[in-house]
Amino acid sequence: MKPLHKVTIHHRKAGRTISFDVPEGEYILRCFESHGEELPFSCRNGCCTTCAVRILSGEMDQTAGIGLSAEMRAQGYGLLCVAKAIGPLEVETQDEDEVYEMQFGKYLGQVKAQAGSPFDI
């Protein structure tokens, strides 16, 4: 039998905190859904930032996620859809636009700075 790890999610948009024991190596989002909890997600492949969370304590295995840069992961962000429980964990859901801007805003700013292209009207 797999060890269980207490995972606590502070769901900002819903204004509530949810905790469950998640079997080690199991996908956190899938486990919470199996208990009837609706959490933000979109792609389920770790490619977007809809299910992004900020890690408050503990850690998770998110090696399958490509939607967050190594820099964002180092700053304590993760993606619930591909995150697996590896120990006790406490996270807080994030606004998708907030995380997207943190990760890609610097690149989008460079595109805006190049607005003098012949394609501008």
N, C-alpha and C. Protein backbone atom coordinates (compact mmCIF):
# COMPACT_ATOMS: atom_id res chain seq x y z
N MET A 1 0.83 -1.18 0.00
CA MET A 1 0.00 0.00 0.00
C MET A 1 0.88 1.25 0.00
N LYS A 2 0.52 2.23 -0.83
CA LYS A 2 1.29 3.46 -0.95
C LYS A 2 1.10 4.35 0.27
N PRO A 3 2.17 5.04 0.69
CA PRO A 3 2.01 6.00 1.79
C PRO A 3 1.07 7.13 1.38
N LEU A 4 0.36 7.68 2.34
CA LEU A 4 -0.54 8.81 2.09
C LEU A 4 0.11 10.10 2.57
N HIS A 5 -0.13 11.17 1.82
CA HIS A 5 0.41 12.48 2.19
C HIS A 5 -0.72 13.49 2.23
N LYS A 6 -0.78 14.25 3.32
CA LYS A 6 -1.82 15.27 3.44
C LYS A 6 -1.48 16.42 2.49
N VAL A 7 -2.44 16.71 1.60
CA VAL A 7 -2.30 17.82 0.66
C VAL A 7 -3.41 18.81 0.97
N THR A 8 -3.02 20.04 1.22
CA THR A 8 -3.97 21.11 1.53
C THR A 8 -3.91 22.15 0.42
N ILE A 9 -5.08 22.49 -0.11
CA ILE A 9 -5.16 23.49 -1.17
C ILE A 9 -6.02 24.64 -0.69
N HIS A 10 -5.45 25.83 -0.73
CA HIS A 10 -6.19 27.05 -0.44
C HIS A 10 -6.72 27.55 -1.79
N HIS A 11 -8.00 27.36 -2.02
CA HIS A 11 -8.64 27.72 -3.29
C HIS A 11 -9.09 29.17 -3.20
N ARG A 12 -8.24 30.07 -3.71
CA ARG A 12 -8.47 31.51 -3.56
C ARG A 12 -9.81 31.97 -4.13
N LYS A 13 -10.10 31.54 -5.35
CA LYS A 13 -11.32 32.01 -6.02
C LYS A 13 -12.58 31.56 -5.27
N ALA A 14 -12.56 30.35 -4.73
CA ALA A 14 -13.72 29.82 -4.00
C ALA A 14 -13.71 30.27 -2.54
N GLY A 15 -12.59 30.82 -2.07
CA GLY A 15 -12.50 31.27 -0.69
C GLY A 15 -12.59 30.15 0.33
N ARG A 16 -11.97 29.01 0.00
CA ARG A 16 -12.02 27.88 0.93
C ARG A 16 -10.73 27.09 0.91
N THR A 17 -10.55 26.29 1.94
CA THR A 17 -9.38 25.43 2.06
C THR A 17 -9.86 23.98 2.08
N ILE A 18 -9.16 23.14 1.30
CA ILE A 18 -9.54 21.74 1.14
C ILE A 18 -8.32 20.88 1.44
N SER A 19 -8.50 19.79 2.18
CA SER A 19 -7.39 18.87 2.47
C SER A 19 -7.84 17.43 2.24
N PHE A 20 -6.95 16.65 1.68
CA PHE A 20 -7.16 15.21 1.52
C PHE A 20 -5.82 14.50 1.67
N ASP A 21 -5.88 13.23 2.03
CA ASP A 21 -4.70 12.38 2.01
C ASP A 21 -4.58 11.83 0.61
N VAL A 22 -3.45 12.11 -0.03
CA VAL A 22 -3.23 11.69 -1.42
C VAL A 22 -2.17 10.59 -1.42
N PRO A 23 -2.45 9.46 -2.08
CA PRO A 23 -1.45 8.39 -2.16
C PRO A 23 -0.18 8.88 -2.88
N GLU A 24 0.96 8.50 -2.35
CA GLU A 24 2.23 8.90 -2.96
C GLU A 24 2.26 8.50 -4.43
N GLY A 25 2.70 9.43 -5.26
CA GLY A 25 2.82 9.18 -6.69
C GLY A 25 1.54 9.41 -7.48
N GLU A 26 0.44 9.70 -6.80
CA GLU A 26 -0.84 9.94 -7.49
C GLU A 26 -0.94 11.41 -7.89
N TYR A 27 -1.66 11.65 -8.99
CA TYR A 27 -1.88 13.03 -9.43
C TYR A 27 -2.80 13.74 -8.45
N ILE A 28 -2.36 14.90 -7.98
CA ILE A 28 -3.11 15.64 -6.96
C ILE A 28 -4.46 16.10 -7.49
N LEU A 29 -4.50 16.69 -8.66
CA LEU A 29 -5.77 17.18 -9.22
C LEU A 29 -6.77 16.03 -9.34
N ARG A 30 -6.33 14.92 -9.88
CA ARG A 30 -7.22 13.76 -10.08
C ARG A 30 -7.77 13.25 -8.75
N CYS A 31 -6.93 13.22 -7.74
CA CYS A 31 -7.36 12.75 -6.41
C CYS A 31 -8.42 13.67 -5.83
N PHE A 32 -8.21 14.98 -5.92
CA PHE A 32 -9.19 15.92 -5.38
C PHE A 32 -10.51 15.83 -6.16
N GLU A 33 -10.42 15.64 -7.46
CA GLU A 33 -11.64 15.48 -8.26
C GLU A 33 -12.40 14.22 -7.87
N SER A 34 -11.67 13.16 -7.54
CA SER A 34 -12.34 11.92 -7.14
C SER A 34 -13.12 12.09 -5.84
N HIS A 35 -12.80 13.14 -5.08
CA HIS A 35 -13.54 13.47 -3.86
C HIS A 35 -14.60 14.54 -4.13
N GLY A 36 -14.86 14.84 -5.40
CA GLY A 36 -15.90 15.78 -5.77
C GLY A 36 -15.50 17.24 -5.72
N GLU A 37 -14.22 17.52 -5.60
CA GLU A 37 -13.75 18.91 -5.55
C GLU A 37 -13.43 19.42 -6.94
N GLU A 38 -13.92 20.59 -7.25
CA GLU A 38 -13.65 21.23 -8.54
C GLU A 38 -12.55 22.26 -8.37
N LEU A 39 -11.45 22.02 -9.04
CA LEU A 39 -10.32 22.93 -9.02
C LEU A 39 -10.06 23.41 -10.45
N PRO A 40 -9.42 24.56 -10.60
CA PRO A 40 -9.15 25.07 -11.95
C PRO A 40 -8.21 24.15 -12.73
N PHE A 41 -8.54 23.90 -13.99
CA PHE A 41 -7.66 23.16 -14.89
C PHE A 41 -8.13 23.43 -16.31
N SER A 42 -7.31 23.08 -17.27
CA SER A 42 -7.70 23.20 -18.67
C SER A 42 -7.16 22.03 -19.48
N CYS A 43 -5.85 22.01 -19.67
CA CYS A 43 -5.27 21.03 -20.61
C CYS A 43 -5.03 19.65 -20.02
N ARG A 44 -4.81 19.54 -18.73
CA ARG A 44 -4.47 18.29 -18.04
C ARG A 44 -3.14 17.68 -18.52
N ASN A 45 -2.35 18.46 -19.22
CA ASN A 45 -1.08 17.96 -19.75
C ASN A 45 0.13 18.73 -19.23
N GLY A 46 -0.09 19.67 -18.32
CA GLY A 46 1.02 20.46 -17.80
C GLY A 46 1.56 21.46 -18.79
N CYS A 47 0.71 21.89 -19.73
CA CYS A 47 1.16 22.81 -20.78
C CYS A 47 0.69 24.25 -20.58
N CYS A 48 -0.39 24.45 -19.87
CA CYS A 48 -0.91 25.81 -19.68
C CYS A 48 -0.72 26.20 -18.22
N THR A 49 -1.28 27.31 -17.80
CA THR A 49 -1.11 27.74 -16.41
C THR A 49 -2.44 27.83 -15.66
N THR A 50 -3.49 27.23 -16.18
CA THR A 50 -4.80 27.31 -15.55
C THR A 50 -4.80 26.70 -14.15
N CYS A 51 -4.09 25.61 -13.95
CA CYS A 51 -4.08 24.93 -12.65
C CYS A 51 -2.89 25.31 -11.78
N ALA A 52 -2.25 26.43 -12.09
CA ALA A 52 -1.05 26.84 -11.35
C ALA A 52 -1.34 27.09 -9.88
N VAL A 53 -0.40 26.68 -9.06
CA VAL A 53 -0.46 26.91 -7.62
C VAL A 53 0.89 27.45 -7.16
N ARG A 54 0.86 28.12 -6.02
CA ARG A 54 2.09 28.54 -5.35
C ARG A 54 2.27 27.61 -4.17
N ILE A 55 3.43 27.02 -4.04
CA ILE A 55 3.71 26.09 -2.96
C ILE A 55 4.02 26.89 -1.70
N LEU A 56 3.24 26.64 -0.65
CA LEU A 56 3.45 27.31 0.63
C LEU A 56 4.38 26.51 1.54
N SER A 57 4.25 25.18 1.47
CA SER A 57 5.16 24.30 2.22
C SER A 57 5.13 22.92 1.58
N GLY A 58 6.25 22.22 1.71
CA GLY A 58 6.37 20.89 1.12
C GLY A 58 6.86 20.96 -0.31
N GLU A 59 6.76 19.83 -0.98
CA GLU A 59 7.14 19.77 -2.39
C GLU A 59 6.34 18.71 -3.10
N MET A 60 6.34 18.80 -4.43
CA MET A 60 5.61 17.85 -5.25
C MET A 60 6.47 17.46 -6.44
N ASP A 61 6.18 16.30 -6.99
CA ASP A 61 6.85 15.85 -8.21
C ASP A 61 6.07 16.42 -9.38
N GLN A 62 6.69 17.31 -10.13
CA GLN A 62 6.04 17.89 -11.29
C GLN A 62 6.94 17.81 -12.52
N THR A 63 7.68 16.71 -12.60
CA THR A 63 8.62 16.54 -13.71
C THR A 63 7.92 16.45 -15.06
N ALA A 64 6.64 16.08 -15.07
CA ALA A 64 5.93 15.96 -16.34
C ALA A 64 5.42 17.29 -16.87
N GLY A 65 5.49 18.36 -16.08
CA GLY A 65 4.95 19.65 -16.50
C GLY A 65 5.92 20.45 -17.33
N ILE A 66 5.47 20.92 -18.48
CA ILE A 66 6.30 21.77 -19.31
C ILE A 66 5.75 23.19 -19.40
N GLY A 67 4.61 23.45 -18.76
CA GLY A 67 3.96 24.75 -18.85
C GLY A 67 4.57 25.81 -17.95
N LEU A 68 5.47 25.43 -17.06
CA LEU A 68 6.15 26.39 -16.21
C LEU A 68 7.65 26.28 -16.44
N SER A 69 8.31 27.42 -16.53
CA SER A 69 9.75 27.42 -16.70
C SER A 69 10.43 26.92 -15.43
N ALA A 70 11.67 26.52 -15.57
CA ALA A 70 12.46 26.10 -14.40
C ALA A 70 12.55 27.24 -13.40
N GLU A 71 12.62 28.47 -13.89
CA GLU A 71 12.68 29.65 -13.03
C GLU A 71 11.40 29.77 -12.19
N MET A 72 10.24 29.57 -12.80
CA MET A 72 8.97 29.65 -12.07
C MET A 72 8.87 28.52 -11.04
N ARG A 73 9.29 27.32 -11.42
CA ARG A 73 9.28 26.20 -10.47
C ARG A 73 10.21 26.49 -9.30
N ALA A 74 11.37 27.09 -9.58
CA ALA A 74 12.32 27.44 -8.51
C ALA A 74 11.74 28.51 -7.58
N GLN A 75 10.83 29.32 -8.09
CA GLN A 75 10.18 30.35 -7.28
C GLN A 75 9.00 29.79 -6.48
N GLY A 76 8.75 28.48 -6.64
CA GLY A 76 7.72 27.83 -5.83
C GLY A 76 6.37 27.68 -6.49
N TYR A 77 6.32 27.67 -7.81
CA TYR A 77 5.06 27.47 -8.51
C TYR A 77 5.00 26.07 -9.08
N GLY A 78 3.80 25.55 -9.21
CA GLY A 78 3.60 24.21 -9.76
C GLY A 78 2.29 24.12 -10.50
N LEU A 79 2.09 23.02 -11.19
CA LEU A 79 0.87 22.76 -11.95
C LEU A 79 0.20 21.52 -11.37
N LEU A 80 -1.00 21.69 -10.83
CA LEU A 80 -1.69 20.59 -10.15
C LEU A 80 -2.02 19.43 -11.07
N CYS A 81 -2.28 19.68 -12.35
CA CYS A 81 -2.73 18.59 -13.22
C CYS A 81 -1.67 17.51 -13.41
N VAL A 82 -0.38 17.89 -13.30
CA VAL A 82 0.69 16.90 -13.47
C VAL A 82 1.51 16.72 -12.21
N ALA A 83 1.07 17.34 -11.11
CA ALA A 83 1.80 17.23 -9.85
C ALA A 83 1.42 15.94 -9.13
N LYS A 84 2.43 15.28 -8.60
CA LYS A 84 2.22 14.06 -7.82
C LYS A 84 2.65 14.30 -6.39
N ALA A 85 1.92 13.69 -5.47
CA ALA A 85 2.24 13.80 -4.05
C ALA A 85 3.49 13.00 -3.73
N ILE A 86 4.44 13.66 -3.06
CA ILE A 86 5.65 12.96 -2.61
C ILE A 86 5.90 13.21 -1.13
N GLY A 87 5.02 13.98 -0.50
CA GLY A 87 5.12 14.30 0.92
C GLY A 87 4.01 15.27 1.27
N PRO A 88 3.93 15.67 2.53
CA PRO A 88 2.92 16.65 2.92
C PRO A 88 3.11 17.92 2.09
N LEU A 89 1.99 18.55 1.74
CA LEU A 89 2.06 19.69 0.82
C LEU A 89 0.94 20.67 1.13
N GLU A 90 1.27 21.95 1.06
CA GLU A 90 0.27 23.00 1.19
C GLU A 90 0.50 23.99 0.04
N VAL A 91 -0.56 24.25 -0.72
CA VAL A 91 -0.46 25.13 -1.88
C VAL A 91 -1.63 26.11 -1.91
N GLU A 92 -1.49 27.12 -2.75
CA GLU A 92 -2.54 28.11 -2.94
C GLU A 92 -2.77 28.28 -4.43
N THR A 93 -4.04 28.18 -4.87
CA THR A 93 -4.33 28.37 -6.29
C THR A 93 -3.98 29.80 -6.67
N GLN A 94 -3.70 29.99 -7.94
CA GLN A 94 -3.30 31.29 -8.47
C GLN A 94 -4.24 31.69 -9.60
N ASP A 95 -4.27 32.96 -9.89
CA ASP A 95 -5.02 33.43 -11.04
C ASP A 95 -4.19 33.11 -12.29
N GLU A 96 -4.81 32.46 -13.27
CA GLU A 96 -4.09 32.03 -14.46
C GLU A 96 -3.37 33.20 -15.13
N ASP A 97 -4.05 34.34 -15.26
CA ASP A 97 -3.44 35.49 -15.92
C ASP A 97 -2.23 36.01 -15.16
N GLU A 98 -2.30 35.93 -13.84
CA GLU A 98 -1.19 36.38 -12.99
C GLU A 98 0.06 35.54 -13.26
N VAL A 99 -0.08 34.25 -13.28
CA VAL A 99 1.05 33.34 -13.51
C VAL A 99 1.54 33.45 -14.95
N TYR A 100 0.62 33.54 -15.88
CA TYR A 100 0.99 33.67 -17.29
C TYR A 100 1.82 34.94 -17.50
N GLU A 101 1.37 36.04 -16.90
CA GLU A 101 2.09 37.31 -17.03
C GLU A 101 3.48 37.22 -16.40
N MET A 102 3.59 36.59 -15.23
CA MET A 102 4.90 36.43 -14.58
C MET A 102 5.85 35.66 -15.47
N GLN A 103 5.32 34.63 -16.12
CA GLN A 103 6.18 33.78 -16.93
C GLN A 103 6.46 34.35 -18.31
N PHE A 104 5.45 34.89 -18.97
CA PHE A 104 5.61 35.31 -20.36
C PHE A 104 5.59 36.81 -20.57
N GLY A 105 5.25 37.59 -19.54
CA GLY A 105 5.12 39.03 -19.68
C GLY A 105 6.37 39.70 -20.21
N LYS A 106 7.54 39.23 -19.78
CA LYS A 106 8.78 39.85 -20.25
C LYS A 106 8.96 39.65 -21.75
N TYR A 107 8.49 38.53 -22.26
CA TYR A 107 8.59 38.29 -23.70
C TYR A 107 7.55 39.10 -24.47
N LEU A 108 6.35 39.19 -23.91
CA LEU A 108 5.30 39.97 -24.56
C LEU A 108 5.68 41.44 -24.58
N GLY A 109 6.38 41.91 -23.55
CA GLY A 109 6.85 43.29 -23.51
C GLY A 109 7.84 43.56 -24.62
N GLN A 110 8.69 42.57 -24.94
CA GLN A 110 9.66 42.73 -26.03
C GLN A 110 8.94 42.84 -27.36
N VAL A 111 7.86 42.09 -27.53
CA VAL A 111 7.09 42.14 -28.78
C VAL A 111 6.47 43.52 -28.93
N LYS A 112 5.90 44.06 -27.83
CA LYS A 112 5.30 45.39 -27.87
C LYS A 112 6.35 46.44 -28.18
N ALA A 113 7.57 46.26 -27.67
CA ALA A 113 8.65 47.23 -27.90
C ALA A 113 9.05 47.26 -29.37
N GLN A 114 8.81 46.17 -30.07
CA GLN A 114 9.15 46.10 -31.49
C GLN A 114 7.99 46.53 -32.35
N ALA A 115 7.06 47.28 -31.80
CA ALA A 115 5.83 47.65 -32.50
C ALA A 115 6.06 48.57 -33.69
N GLY A 116 7.26 48.96 -33.93
CA GLY A 116 7.53 49.81 -35.09
C GLY A 116 7.67 49.03 -36.38
N SER A 117 7.18 47.82 -36.41
CA SER A 117 7.34 46.98 -37.61
C SER A 117 6.42 47.48 -38.73
N PRO A 118 6.68 47.11 -39.95
CA PRO A 118 5.86 47.55 -41.08
C PRO A 118 4.44 46.97 -41.03
N PHE A 119 4.19 46.05 -40.12
CA PHE A 119 2.86 45.46 -40.02
C PHE A 119 1.92 46.25 -39.13
N ASP A 120 2.48 47.25 -38.40
CA ASP A 120 1.64 48.10 -37.55
C ASP A 120 0.84 49.06 -38.41
N ILE A 121 -0.35 49.32 -37.99
CA ILE A 121 -1.21 50.25 -38.72
C ILE A 121 -1.40 51.49 -37.89
